[in-house]
Amino acid sequence: MNVRGLAERAGYTVFCEGEDREIESGYCGDFLSNIISRAPDACAWLTVMNNVNVAAVATLIDCACIILCEGVEPDEALKNRAQMQSIWLLGAKENVFEESKRVAAVCGV
């Protein structure tokens, strides 16, 4: 499934639209060094981190989208950087565990 389809079906808030890529897997985490070394390409990255470093890491790992969980909203620097780098930035209400189940169910990953 592509990112736009996930956002629509899951009812996520869209903070920033990017390249509409296929989601091949998911990855949950907040320790940026772990994300860099372990997250697979084309993943939906679920996190509660909301600063500009998230956009830099998303570019490094080539993720399909970032999903900010627990009602977290991006700070202005993150939102601006996501727009500059054409990164999907989505918002979800539930915790990372619940949202990972939603991504798996909606995307079939």
N, C-alpha and C. Protein backbone atom coordinates (compact mmCIF):
# COMPACT_ATOMS: atom_id res chain seq x y z
N MET A 1 0.84 -1.17 0.00
CA MET A 1 0.00 0.00 0.00
C MET A 1 0.89 1.24 0.00
N ASN A 2 0.41 2.29 -0.64
CA ASN A 2 1.18 3.53 -0.65
C ASN A 2 0.84 4.37 0.59
N VAL A 3 1.64 5.39 0.81
CA VAL A 3 1.50 6.22 2.01
C VAL A 3 0.16 6.94 2.03
N ARG A 4 -0.25 7.48 0.91
CA ARG A 4 -1.53 8.19 0.85
C ARG A 4 -2.68 7.26 1.25
N GLY A 5 -2.66 6.04 0.76
CA GLY A 5 -3.69 5.07 1.11
C GLY A 5 -3.70 4.76 2.59
N LEU A 6 -2.51 4.60 3.19
CA LEU A 6 -2.42 4.36 4.62
C LEU A 6 -3.00 5.53 5.39
N ALA A 7 -2.61 6.74 5.03
CA ALA A 7 -3.08 7.93 5.74
C ALA A 7 -4.60 8.03 5.69
N GLU A 8 -5.17 7.75 4.54
CA GLU A 8 -6.62 7.84 4.39
C GLU A 8 -7.33 6.73 5.16
N ARG A 9 -6.89 5.50 4.99
CA ARG A 9 -7.56 4.36 5.64
C ARG A 9 -7.41 4.37 7.16
N ALA A 10 -6.25 4.80 7.64
CA ALA A 10 -6.01 4.80 9.08
C ALA A 10 -6.54 6.08 9.74
N GLY A 11 -6.88 7.07 8.95
CA GLY A 11 -7.39 8.32 9.50
C GLY A 11 -6.32 9.18 10.15
N TYR A 12 -5.09 9.07 9.65
CA TYR A 12 -3.99 9.84 10.22
C TYR A 12 -4.08 11.32 9.83
N THR A 13 -3.59 12.17 10.70
CA THR A 13 -3.42 13.58 10.39
C THR A 13 -2.23 13.68 9.43
N VAL A 14 -2.37 14.48 8.40
CA VAL A 14 -1.27 14.68 7.45
C VAL A 14 -0.65 16.04 7.75
N PHE A 15 0.55 16.02 8.30
CA PHE A 15 1.28 17.27 8.57
C PHE A 15 2.05 17.72 7.33
N CYS A 16 2.49 16.74 6.54
CA CYS A 16 3.28 17.04 5.35
C CYS A 16 3.14 15.88 4.37
N GLU A 17 2.91 16.22 3.10
CA GLU A 17 2.87 15.20 2.06
C GLU A 17 4.23 15.14 1.37
N GLY A 18 4.58 13.93 0.99
CA GLY A 18 5.84 13.73 0.28
C GLY A 18 5.61 12.86 -0.94
N GLU A 19 6.67 12.22 -1.38
CA GLU A 19 6.58 11.28 -2.49
C GLU A 19 5.69 10.11 -2.06
N ASP A 20 4.72 9.77 -2.87
CA ASP A 20 3.76 8.73 -2.50
C ASP A 20 4.34 7.34 -2.79
N ARG A 21 5.06 6.82 -1.83
CA ARG A 21 5.80 5.57 -1.99
C ARG A 21 5.03 4.40 -1.41
N GLU A 22 5.43 3.21 -1.84
CA GLU A 22 4.89 1.98 -1.27
C GLU A 22 5.53 1.73 0.09
N ILE A 23 4.73 1.28 1.03
CA ILE A 23 5.22 0.91 2.36
C ILE A 23 5.49 -0.60 2.33
N GLU A 24 6.73 -0.98 2.59
CA GLU A 24 7.12 -2.39 2.53
C GLU A 24 7.23 -3.03 3.90
N SER A 25 7.35 -2.22 4.94
CA SER A 25 7.49 -2.75 6.30
C SER A 25 7.27 -1.60 7.29
N GLY A 26 7.45 -1.90 8.54
CA GLY A 26 7.36 -0.88 9.57
C GLY A 26 8.53 -0.99 10.52
N TYR A 27 8.78 0.10 11.25
CA TYR A 27 9.83 0.08 12.27
C TYR A 27 9.43 1.06 13.37
N CYS A 28 9.56 0.63 14.61
CA CYS A 28 9.22 1.45 15.76
C CYS A 28 10.47 1.78 16.55
N GLY A 29 10.64 3.04 16.91
CA GLY A 29 11.78 3.38 17.74
C GLY A 29 11.99 4.87 17.87
N ASP A 30 12.73 5.22 18.92
CA ASP A 30 13.03 6.61 19.22
C ASP A 30 14.52 6.89 19.36
N PHE A 31 15.34 5.85 19.47
CA PHE A 31 16.78 6.04 19.56
C PHE A 31 17.32 6.16 18.14
N LEU A 32 17.71 7.35 17.76
CA LEU A 32 18.05 7.62 16.37
C LEU A 32 19.18 6.75 15.86
N SER A 33 20.15 6.43 16.70
CA SER A 33 21.24 5.57 16.23
C SER A 33 20.73 4.17 15.91
N ASN A 34 19.76 3.67 16.66
CA ASN A 34 19.17 2.37 16.35
C ASN A 34 18.37 2.43 15.05
N ILE A 35 17.65 3.49 14.87
CA ILE A 35 16.87 3.65 13.65
C ILE A 35 17.79 3.62 12.44
N ILE A 36 18.87 4.37 12.51
CA ILE A 36 19.82 4.45 11.39
C ILE A 36 20.39 3.07 11.06
N SER A 37 20.71 2.29 12.07
CA SER A 37 21.37 1.01 11.82
C SER A 37 20.42 -0.15 11.58
N ARG A 38 19.14 -0.01 11.92
CA ARG A 38 18.25 -1.17 11.86
C ARG A 38 16.99 -1.01 11.02
N ALA A 39 16.52 0.19 10.80
CA ALA A 39 15.25 0.36 10.07
C ALA A 39 15.44 0.02 8.60
N PRO A 40 14.51 -0.74 8.04
CA PRO A 40 14.61 -1.10 6.62
C PRO A 40 14.14 0.03 5.71
N ASP A 41 14.62 0.03 4.48
CA ASP A 41 14.16 0.99 3.47
C ASP A 41 12.65 0.83 3.28
N ALA A 42 12.03 1.89 2.86
CA ALA A 42 10.60 1.91 2.50
C ALA A 42 9.69 1.51 3.67
N CYS A 43 10.13 1.77 4.88
CA CYS A 43 9.32 1.44 6.04
C CYS A 43 8.46 2.63 6.46
N ALA A 44 7.43 2.32 7.23
CA ALA A 44 6.70 3.34 7.97
C ALA A 44 7.37 3.40 9.33
N TRP A 45 7.96 4.53 9.67
CA TRP A 45 8.69 4.68 10.93
C TRP A 45 7.75 5.30 11.95
N LEU A 46 7.48 4.58 13.03
CA LEU A 46 6.61 5.05 14.10
C LEU A 46 7.46 5.52 15.27
N THR A 47 7.20 6.74 15.74
CA THR A 47 8.02 7.35 16.78
C THR A 47 7.21 8.39 17.55
N VAL A 48 7.78 8.86 18.66
CA VAL A 48 7.23 10.01 19.37
C VAL A 48 8.20 11.19 19.31
N MET A 49 9.32 11.01 18.63
CA MET A 49 10.30 12.09 18.47
C MET A 49 9.73 13.13 17.52
N ASN A 50 9.93 14.40 17.84
CA ASN A 50 9.33 15.43 16.99
C ASN A 50 10.26 16.61 16.73
N ASN A 51 11.54 16.34 16.53
CA ASN A 51 12.45 17.44 16.22
C ASN A 51 13.08 17.25 14.86
N VAL A 52 13.82 18.23 14.42
CA VAL A 52 14.36 18.25 13.06
C VAL A 52 15.27 17.05 12.76
N ASN A 53 15.88 16.46 13.78
CA ASN A 53 16.74 15.30 13.55
C ASN A 53 15.97 14.12 12.98
N VAL A 54 14.69 14.06 13.23
CA VAL A 54 13.86 12.98 12.69
C VAL A 54 13.86 13.03 11.16
N ALA A 55 13.76 14.20 10.59
CA ALA A 55 13.78 14.33 9.12
C ALA A 55 15.13 13.89 8.56
N ALA A 56 16.21 14.24 9.24
CA ALA A 56 17.53 13.83 8.77
C ALA A 56 17.67 12.31 8.78
N VAL A 57 17.21 11.69 9.83
CA VAL A 57 17.28 10.23 9.93
C VAL A 57 16.37 9.58 8.89
N ALA A 58 15.19 10.13 8.70
CA ALA A 58 14.26 9.58 7.70
C ALA A 58 14.89 9.57 6.31
N THR A 59 15.65 10.60 6.01
CA THR A 59 16.34 10.66 4.72
C THR A 59 17.44 9.60 4.66
N LEU A 60 18.18 9.45 5.73
CA LEU A 60 19.26 8.45 5.76
C LEU A 60 18.74 7.03 5.58
N ILE A 61 17.63 6.72 6.21
CA ILE A 61 17.12 5.35 6.14
C ILE A 61 16.18 5.14 4.95
N ASP A 62 15.84 6.21 4.25
CA ASP A 62 14.97 6.14 3.08
C ASP A 62 13.61 5.54 3.43
N CYS A 63 13.02 6.02 4.52
CA CYS A 63 11.70 5.50 4.93
C CYS A 63 10.61 6.07 4.04
N ALA A 64 9.49 5.35 3.98
CA ALA A 64 8.36 5.80 3.17
C ALA A 64 7.61 6.93 3.86
N CYS A 65 7.55 6.88 5.20
CA CYS A 65 6.85 7.93 5.95
C CYS A 65 7.24 7.87 7.41
N ILE A 66 6.96 8.95 8.10
CA ILE A 66 7.12 9.04 9.55
C ILE A 66 5.73 9.16 10.14
N ILE A 67 5.46 8.36 11.16
CA ILE A 67 4.18 8.46 11.87
C ILE A 67 4.48 8.88 13.31
N LEU A 68 4.06 10.08 13.66
CA LEU A 68 4.22 10.57 15.02
C LEU A 68 3.04 10.06 15.84
N CYS A 69 3.31 9.30 16.89
CA CYS A 69 2.27 8.65 17.68
C CYS A 69 1.95 9.44 18.95
N GLU A 70 0.92 9.00 19.65
CA GLU A 70 0.48 9.55 20.94
C GLU A 70 0.06 11.01 20.86
N GLY A 71 -0.44 11.43 19.70
CA GLY A 71 -0.89 12.81 19.55
C GLY A 71 0.23 13.82 19.43
N VAL A 72 1.46 13.35 19.28
CA VAL A 72 2.61 14.25 19.15
C VAL A 72 2.48 15.00 17.82
N GLU A 73 2.79 16.27 17.85
CA GLU A 73 2.80 17.09 16.65
C GLU A 73 4.23 17.54 16.35
N PRO A 74 4.56 17.72 15.09
CA PRO A 74 5.93 18.13 14.76
C PRO A 74 6.20 19.56 15.18
N ASP A 75 7.44 19.81 15.61
CA ASP A 75 7.79 21.21 15.83
C ASP A 75 7.97 21.86 14.45
N GLU A 76 8.07 23.16 14.43
CA GLU A 76 8.12 23.89 13.17
C GLU A 76 9.33 23.49 12.32
N ALA A 77 10.46 23.28 12.95
CA ALA A 77 11.67 22.91 12.21
C ALA A 77 11.50 21.56 11.52
N LEU A 78 10.90 20.59 12.21
CA LEU A 78 10.67 19.28 11.61
C LEU A 78 9.69 19.39 10.45
N LYS A 79 8.63 20.11 10.64
CA LYS A 79 7.62 20.26 9.59
C LYS A 79 8.24 20.92 8.34
N ASN A 80 9.01 21.96 8.55
CA ASN A 80 9.66 22.65 7.42
C ASN A 80 10.65 21.74 6.71
N ARG A 81 11.44 21.00 7.46
CA ARG A 81 12.43 20.10 6.85
C ARG A 81 11.75 18.96 6.10
N ALA A 82 10.68 18.43 6.65
CA ALA A 82 9.93 17.37 5.97
C ALA A 82 9.38 17.88 4.64
N GLN A 83 8.89 19.10 4.62
CA GLN A 83 8.39 19.69 3.38
C GLN A 83 9.53 19.87 2.38
N MET A 84 10.67 20.36 2.83
CA MET A 84 11.82 20.57 1.95
C MET A 84 12.31 19.27 1.35
N GLN A 85 12.24 18.18 2.12
CA GLN A 85 12.79 16.89 1.68
C GLN A 85 11.72 15.94 1.15
N SER A 86 10.49 16.43 1.01
CA SER A 86 9.38 15.64 0.47
C SER A 86 9.19 14.33 1.25
N ILE A 87 9.09 14.46 2.57
CA ILE A 87 8.89 13.32 3.46
C ILE A 87 7.46 13.37 4.00
N TRP A 88 6.75 12.26 3.88
CA TRP A 88 5.42 12.18 4.49
C TRP A 88 5.56 12.22 6.00
N LEU A 89 4.81 13.09 6.62
CA LEU A 89 4.81 13.23 8.07
C LEU A 89 3.35 13.13 8.53
N LEU A 90 3.05 12.04 9.24
CA LEU A 90 1.69 11.74 9.66
C LEU A 90 1.56 11.78 11.17
N GLY A 91 0.35 11.98 11.65
CA GLY A 91 0.10 12.00 13.08
C GLY A 91 -0.95 10.98 13.47
N ALA A 92 -0.72 10.30 14.60
CA ALA A 92 -1.63 9.27 15.10
C ALA A 92 -1.92 9.52 16.57
N LYS A 93 -3.08 9.12 17.01
CA LYS A 93 -3.50 9.36 18.40
C LYS A 93 -2.98 8.33 19.39
N GLU A 94 -2.93 7.07 18.98
CA GLU A 94 -2.61 5.98 19.90
C GLU A 94 -1.10 5.84 20.11
N ASN A 95 -0.73 4.95 21.04
CA ASN A 95 0.70 4.71 21.30
C ASN A 95 1.32 3.91 20.16
N VAL A 96 2.62 3.80 20.19
CA VAL A 96 3.36 3.17 19.10
C VAL A 96 2.92 1.71 18.89
N PHE A 97 2.69 0.98 19.96
CA PHE A 97 2.26 -0.41 19.84
C PHE A 97 0.93 -0.52 19.10
N GLU A 98 -0.05 0.26 19.52
CA GLU A 98 -1.37 0.21 18.87
C GLU A 98 -1.29 0.66 17.42
N GLU A 99 -0.52 1.69 17.16
CA GLU A 99 -0.40 2.18 15.79
C GLU A 99 0.37 1.20 14.90
N SER A 100 1.32 0.49 15.46
CA SER A 100 2.04 -0.51 14.65
C SER A 100 1.09 -1.62 14.22
N LYS A 101 0.16 -1.99 15.09
CA LYS A 101 -0.84 -2.99 14.71
C LYS A 101 -1.73 -2.45 13.60
N ARG A 102 -2.09 -1.17 13.68
CA ARG A 102 -2.93 -0.55 12.64
C ARG A 102 -2.20 -0.55 11.31
N VAL A 103 -0.93 -0.15 11.29
CA VAL A 103 -0.15 -0.12 10.05
C VAL A 103 -0.08 -1.53 9.46
N ALA A 104 0.20 -2.51 10.29
CA ALA A 104 0.29 -3.90 9.81
C ALA A 104 -1.03 -4.35 9.20
N ALA A 105 -2.13 -4.03 9.86
CA ALA A 105 -3.44 -4.45 9.38
C ALA A 105 -3.83 -3.75 8.07
N VAL A 106 -3.60 -2.45 8.02
CA VAL A 106 -4.00 -1.68 6.84
C VAL A 106 -3.09 -1.99 5.65
N CYS A 107 -1.79 -2.10 5.89
CA CYS A 107 -0.84 -2.30 4.80
C CYS A 107 -0.58 -3.76 4.48
N GLY A 108 -0.91 -4.63 5.40
CA GLY A 108 -0.62 -6.04 5.18
C GLY A 108 0.86 -6.37 5.27
N VAL A 109 1.58 -5.61 6.09
CA VAL A 109 3.02 -5.89 6.27
C VAL A 109 3.28 -6.48 7.64
